[in-house]
Structure formats: C-alpha cells, structure tokens
Amino acid sequence: MTSETKSPGFFSRLAHPGQFLVWSRYLVWPLAGLTVILFAIGLYLALVASPADYQMGETVRIMYMHVPNAWLSMMCYGVMAVAAFGTLVWRHPLADVAAKSAAPLGAIFTAIALLTGIVWGIPTWGTGWVWDGRLTSMLLHFLIYLGIIAMWFTFEDQHRAGRIIAVFTLIGVVNLVVIHYSVEWWSTLHQPASVFTAEGPKMPLELLTPLFVNLFAFSFLFATLQVVSMRTEIMRRRVAAMQRQAAMNRGAAPSPEPAR
C-alpha cells in the first residue's frame, strides 16, 4: 500500500458498525428525552387543548394517533427502501442492519394505523372496514412487512439475506405509490389528503397544531427505537460471529492423545 492510498471518507468512517456503536450511544438518551417531551405536549394538546370537530365531534381525537402512525408506516418503509438501495449498490455495512431494524417498527406502526382506523371508522363511516383502495393497500403493506420480517428469520447468513430482501423491499415500493394515490384512483370512503396538499393544509390551525406535534413525537420515537434496534443488531451479529469463530477453533483443535 502506497502513501498515496486514500483513507476512507469521514461519512464512511462514521457509518462503520464499530464507529456507529461509539457515537450513537450519545444519541439514545437525548432522543428519548425529546420524545417524552413531545409526547407530553402532544397528548395535552390532543386531549385537553384542542376542540372537538364540528362534524366528527370528540372522535376526531383518534386522528392524532391514527395519522402519525399511518405516516410512520410509510416512512419506515422508505427508510428500508433507501437501505435496500445502499445494500445492492454500495454494499454498505450498515444498510442491511438499518433495513432489518426498521421492519418490525414499520409493522407495529402499520398495525396501529389499521386498528385506530377501524376504531375511527365505526362512528364516522358506520363500519370499521371496507375493501376500498386505501384500506386494502394498507393491509397489503402490513403483510409485506410481515413477509420481510419472516425472511430475515429464514436465512442464517444475514448478509446474504440482506441482498435478497433488498430486492423484495424495492419491489414493495410500488405499493407505497398505490397507498398514496388510492384515494384519487378509486372511489373510497377514506377522505383525500387534507394536510400535505398543493394548496396547503385543509384543516383549521387548532386541529393542525396538535397533529403536527404528535407527528413529530412519533417520528422521534421511531428515531430512538431505530438507533437502539440497530445497536442491538450490530452487537448480536458480533456475538454470533464470535460464537462461530469459537466453534471453528474447537473443531480445528487436535484431539488429545488417549491415555496409556
């Protein structure tokens, strides 16, 4: 190796699993603290300070949990898709760790979004479930998460699993497009977008403020759990590698001579 050989870039070193364990430990408690503060403010605004809706009444408060979880269910998959791209293109050492860590979190957020949607739908629509485009594509989204989680447990070689699951994950991105445009493509009971629209939000500020605070609270919850989960996965893989190495060393050791 010559003196002209370039050393790894700053971001490459920062994202190395060993370096990630070093600097990420200083993030966990600040993220957790900020999450608790945001949830405290968000719950106060959602349950106490915000008024009831003139149409939906008190049931509108379900929105402050339903919408953030629906958002996180899609954002988690977006994180997995970016990680899948990093696995296939750059073979990034942390990419499959990030993808594996985000999958259970995305499944939980999706399950909560589906359950709160059912609870919200009963008084609003008169039914908890209809097989329309939005609900059906969200259910498929949840099943995709479960399939990905099952695939991670199928393969013993996690690096090989990461490459295979990355392809499957990128194919699943198509369903994100279907979820987003389902209320425009098909006739559905689900209301169209009322927050992120080209004309701006279509709800009053007294409802929009607690919604955004809870959206940030759930987003920071995801960030906290994602960092903790990635740290756990890296340490789990290190332990598994040491166990395999110890098993190989025991197998390679010469057997003792029989006593005479």
Protein backbone atom coordinates (compact mmCIF):
# COMPACT_ATOMS: atom_id res chain seq x y z
CA MET A 1 0.00 0.00 0.00
CA THR A 2 1.47 3.33 -1.07
CA SER A 3 1.35 6.57 0.87
CA GLU A 4 -0.98 7.93 -1.81
CA THR A 5 -3.74 5.49 -0.93
CA LYS A 6 -6.77 7.43 0.15
CA SER A 7 -8.21 6.78 3.58
CA PRO A 8 -11.97 6.24 3.95
CA GLY A 9 -14.05 9.39 3.90
CA PHE A 10 -15.50 10.96 7.02
CA PHE A 11 -19.03 9.69 6.42
CA SER A 12 -17.77 6.20 5.55
CA ARG A 13 -15.90 6.02 8.85
CA LEU A 14 -18.88 7.47 10.70
CA ALA A 15 -21.19 4.78 9.33
CA HIS A 16 -18.87 1.86 10.04
CA PRO A 17 -20.63 -0.51 12.52
CA GLY A 18 -17.89 -0.04 15.13
CA GLN A 19 -17.97 3.74 14.85
CA PHE A 20 -21.77 3.71 14.83
CA LEU A 21 -21.75 1.96 18.20
CA VAL A 22 -19.40 4.63 19.56
CA TRP A 23 -21.23 7.80 18.54
CA SER A 24 -24.82 6.52 18.57
CA ARG A 25 -24.74 5.78 22.30
CA TYR A 26 -24.70 9.54 22.90
CA LEU A 27 -27.89 9.92 20.85
CA VAL A 28 -30.18 7.49 22.63
CA TRP A 29 -30.98 9.46 25.80
CA PRO A 30 -31.33 12.88 24.11
CA LEU A 31 -33.67 11.34 21.52
CA ALA A 32 -35.65 9.55 24.22
CA GLY A 33 -35.91 12.72 26.31
CA LEU A 34 -37.09 14.81 23.36
CA THR A 35 -39.61 12.09 22.50
CA VAL A 36 -41.09 12.16 26.03
CA ILE A 37 -41.35 15.97 25.96
CA LEU A 38 -43.06 15.97 22.57
CA PHE A 39 -45.50 13.26 23.64
CA ALA A 40 -46.35 15.17 26.81
CA ILE A 41 -47.11 18.31 24.81
CA GLY A 42 -48.86 16.37 22.06
CA LEU A 43 -51.14 14.48 24.45
CA TYR A 44 -52.09 17.68 26.26
CA LEU A 45 -52.93 19.43 23.00
CA ALA A 46 -54.78 16.42 21.62
CA LEU A 47 -56.84 15.52 24.68
CA VAL A 48 -57.27 18.84 26.51
CA ALA A 49 -56.45 21.95 24.50
CA SER A 50 -57.81 21.11 21.05
CA PRO A 51 -61.55 21.48 20.38
CA ALA A 52 -63.90 18.84 19.07
CA ASP A 53 -64.56 18.81 15.33
CA TYR A 54 -67.85 20.32 14.15
CA GLN A 55 -68.61 17.15 12.14
CA MET A 56 -66.85 14.26 13.90
CA GLY A 57 -67.10 15.59 17.43
CA GLU A 58 -64.77 14.07 20.04
CA THR A 59 -63.86 11.15 17.76
CA VAL A 60 -61.55 13.48 15.85
CA ARG A 61 -59.01 12.93 18.65
CA ILE A 62 -58.32 9.47 17.22
CA MET A 63 -56.75 11.32 14.30
CA TYR A 64 -53.84 12.42 16.49
CA MET A 65 -52.75 8.79 16.79
CA HIS A 66 -54.02 7.39 13.50
CA VAL A 67 -52.42 9.87 11.13
CA PRO A 68 -48.90 9.83 12.71
CA ASN A 69 -48.85 6.03 12.72
CA ALA A 70 -50.03 5.89 9.11
CA TRP A 71 -47.27 8.37 8.22
CA LEU A 72 -44.64 6.36 10.11
CA SER A 73 -45.78 3.11 8.49
CA MET A 74 -44.81 4.58 5.12
CA MET A 75 -41.72 6.44 6.33
CA CYS A 76 -40.30 3.24 7.86
CA TYR A 77 -40.66 1.53 4.51
CA GLY A 78 -38.97 4.49 2.86
CA VAL A 79 -36.02 4.02 5.23
CA MET A 80 -35.94 0.33 4.31
CA ALA A 81 -36.02 1.16 0.60
CA VAL A 82 -33.08 3.57 0.92
CA ALA A 83 -31.20 0.95 2.95
CA ALA A 84 -32.01 -1.69 0.33
CA PHE A 85 -30.54 0.55 -2.36
CA GLY A 86 -27.42 1.00 -0.22
CA THR A 87 -27.14 -2.77 0.19
CA LEU A 88 -27.39 -3.54 -3.52
CA VAL A 89 -25.39 -0.63 -4.94
CA TRP A 90 -22.78 0.29 -2.34
CA ARG A 91 -22.80 -2.87 -0.17
CA HIS A 92 -22.86 -0.53 2.81
CA PRO A 93 -22.10 -2.41 6.05
CA LEU A 94 -24.91 -0.67 7.96
CA ALA A 95 -27.55 -0.79 5.23
CA ASP A 96 -28.99 -4.23 5.92
CA VAL A 97 -28.76 -3.54 9.67
CA ALA A 98 -30.92 -0.43 9.20
CA ALA A 99 -33.38 -2.31 6.98
CA LYS A 100 -33.75 -5.21 9.40
CA SER A 101 -34.19 -2.87 12.38
CA ALA A 102 -36.87 -0.77 10.67
CA ALA A 103 -39.07 -3.68 9.55
CA PRO A 104 -40.62 -4.61 12.95
CA LEU A 105 -41.11 -0.94 13.79
CA GLY A 106 -42.88 -0.35 10.48
CA ALA A 107 -45.11 -3.38 11.07
CA ILE A 108 -46.12 -2.06 14.51
CA PHE A 109 -46.88 1.42 13.20
CA THR A 110 -48.92 -0.08 10.36
CA ALA A 111 -50.87 -2.31 12.75
CA ILE A 112 -51.68 0.67 14.99
CA ALA A 113 -52.76 2.70 11.95
CA LEU A 114 -55.09 -0.10 10.83
CA LEU A 115 -56.57 -0.62 14.31
CA THR A 116 -57.11 3.09 15.00
CA GLY A 117 -58.60 3.43 11.53
CA ILE A 118 -61.12 0.72 12.38
CA VAL A 119 -61.99 2.43 15.69
CA TRP A 120 -62.32 5.77 13.91
CA GLY A 121 -64.32 4.33 11.04
CA ILE A 122 -67.12 2.82 13.14
CA PRO A 123 -68.59 6.15 14.35
CA THR A 124 -67.52 8.08 11.24
CA TRP A 125 -68.47 5.69 8.41
CA GLY A 126 -70.77 3.34 10.26
CA THR A 127 -68.36 0.46 9.61
CA GLY A 128 -64.88 -0.45 10.77
CA TRP A 129 -63.69 -1.93 7.49
CA VAL A 130 -64.39 -1.71 3.78
CA TRP A 131 -62.37 -3.27 0.98
CA ASP A 132 -61.57 0.03 -0.70
CA GLY A 133 -58.26 1.03 -2.26
CA ARG A 134 -56.70 2.76 0.76
CA LEU A 135 -57.57 0.15 3.38
CA THR A 136 -56.77 -2.83 1.16
CA SER A 137 -53.40 -1.42 0.12
CA MET A 138 -52.58 -0.66 3.78
CA LEU A 139 -53.42 -4.24 4.73
CA LEU A 140 -51.15 -5.43 1.93
CA HIS A 141 -48.50 -3.05 3.28
CA PHE A 142 -48.74 -4.77 6.68
CA LEU A 143 -48.46 -8.22 5.07
CA ILE A 144 -45.36 -7.10 3.17
CA TYR A 145 -43.78 -6.08 6.46
CA LEU A 146 -44.60 -9.48 7.96
CA GLY A 147 -43.14 -11.23 4.91
CA ILE A 148 -39.90 -9.26 5.17
CA ILE A 149 -39.60 -9.99 8.90
CA ALA A 150 -40.16 -13.70 8.23
CA MET A 151 -37.49 -13.67 5.51
CA TRP A 152 -34.92 -12.25 7.95
CA PHE A 153 -35.52 -15.25 10.21
CA THR A 154 -35.33 -17.70 7.29
CA PHE A 155 -31.67 -17.14 6.40
CA GLU A 156 -28.82 -17.95 8.74
CA ASP A 157 -26.39 -15.81 6.70
CA GLN A 158 -27.71 -12.30 7.38
CA HIS A 159 -25.52 -10.66 4.73
CA ARG A 160 -26.93 -12.95 2.03
CA ALA A 161 -30.41 -12.38 3.42
CA GLY A 162 -29.86 -8.63 3.21
CA ARG A 163 -29.21 -8.75 -0.54
CA ILE A 164 -32.23 -10.96 -1.26
CA ILE A 165 -34.57 -8.97 0.98
CA ALA A 166 -33.30 -5.71 -0.55
CA VAL A 167 -34.68 -6.76 -3.95
CA PHE A 168 -38.01 -7.74 -2.41
CA THR A 169 -38.13 -4.44 -0.48
CA LEU A 170 -37.59 -2.33 -3.61
CA ILE A 171 -40.37 -4.20 -5.40
CA GLY A 172 -42.67 -3.42 -2.48
CA VAL A 173 -42.16 0.32 -3.03
CA VAL A 174 -44.82 0.04 -5.74
CA ASN A 175 -47.41 -0.44 -3.00
CA LEU A 176 -46.39 2.87 -1.40
CA VAL A 177 -47.42 4.61 -4.61
CA VAL A 178 -50.72 2.71 -4.57
CA ILE A 179 -51.38 3.72 -0.94
CA HIS A 180 -50.67 7.38 -1.67
CA TYR A 181 -52.82 7.67 -4.79
CA SER A 182 -55.53 5.16 -3.85
CA VAL A 183 -57.97 7.89 -2.76
CA GLU A 184 -57.57 9.54 -6.17
CA TRP A 185 -57.60 6.44 -8.37
CA TRP A 186 -60.62 4.69 -6.84
CA SER A 187 -63.89 5.57 -5.17
CA THR A 188 -63.25 5.23 -1.46
CA LEU A 189 -64.75 6.08 1.91
CA HIS A 190 -61.34 7.28 3.06
CA GLN A 191 -61.02 11.04 2.88
CA PRO A 192 -58.44 12.53 0.46
CA ALA A 193 -55.28 14.26 1.67
CA SER A 194 -56.05 17.22 3.92
CA VAL A 195 -52.62 18.05 5.37
CA PHE A 196 -49.99 17.76 2.65
CA THR A 197 -51.71 19.18 -0.43
CA ALA A 198 -50.64 21.53 -3.22
CA GLU A 199 -52.97 24.20 -1.83
CA GLY A 200 -51.73 23.73 1.73
CA PRO A 201 -53.44 22.18 4.77
CA LYS A 202 -57.25 21.99 4.62
CA MET A 203 -57.91 21.82 8.36
CA PRO A 204 -58.05 24.57 10.97
CA LEU A 205 -54.93 25.50 12.91
CA GLU A 206 -56.36 24.33 16.25
CA LEU A 207 -56.53 20.80 14.84
CA LEU A 208 -53.39 21.02 12.74
CA THR A 209 -51.10 22.07 15.62
CA PRO A 210 -51.65 19.02 17.88
CA LEU A 211 -51.50 16.78 14.81
CA PHE A 212 -48.04 18.07 13.86
CA VAL A 213 -46.76 17.89 17.45
CA ASN A 214 -47.84 14.25 17.68
CA LEU A 215 -46.40 13.61 14.24
CA PHE A 216 -43.02 14.84 15.46
CA ALA A 217 -43.40 12.85 18.70
CA PHE A 218 -43.96 9.59 16.84
CA SER A 219 -41.15 10.42 14.40
CA PHE A 220 -38.69 10.90 17.25
CA LEU A 221 -39.98 7.70 18.84
CA PHE A 222 -39.11 5.90 15.62
CA ALA A 223 -35.67 7.51 15.53
CA THR A 224 -34.99 6.45 19.13
CA LEU A 225 -36.16 2.88 18.62
CA GLN A 226 -34.31 2.62 15.30
CA VAL A 227 -30.98 3.63 16.84
CA VAL A 228 -31.45 1.23 19.77
CA SER A 229 -32.51 -1.59 17.44
CA MET A 230 -29.53 -1.03 15.14
CA ARG A 231 -27.12 -1.06 18.07
CA THR A 232 -28.69 -4.28 19.34
CA GLU A 233 -28.46 -5.91 15.91
CA ILE A 234 -24.79 -4.98 15.47
CA MET A 235 -23.91 -6.41 18.88
CA ARG A 236 -25.99 -9.53 18.20
CA ARG A 237 -24.09 -10.13 14.96
CA ARG A 238 -20.77 -9.62 16.72
CA VAL A 239 -21.69 -12.20 19.35
CA ALA A 240 -22.83 -14.64 16.65
CA ALA A 241 -19.55 -14.14 14.75
CA MET A 242 -17.51 -14.79 17.90
CA GLN A 243 -19.53 -17.92 18.61
CA ARG A 244 -18.93 -19.20 15.07
CA GLN A 245 -15.23 -18.44 15.36
CA ALA A 246 -15.04 -20.24 18.70
CA ALA A 247 -16.83 -23.25 17.24
CA MET A 248 -14.39 -23.33 14.29
CA ASN A 249 -11.41 -23.11 16.66
CA ARG A 250 -12.74 -26.02 18.71
CA GLY A 251 -13.26 -28.07 15.57
CA ALA A 252 -9.75 -27.31 14.29
CA ALA A 253 -8.03 -28.15 17.58
CA PRO A 254 -6.27 -31.55 17.56
CA SER A 255 -7.92 -34.22 19.65
CA PRO A 256 -5.94 -35.23 22.77
CA GLU A 257 -3.96 -38.46 22.67
CA PRO A 258 -5.54 -41.34 24.57
CA ALA A 259 -4.03 -42.07 27.94
CA ARG A 260 -1.74 -45.09 28.12
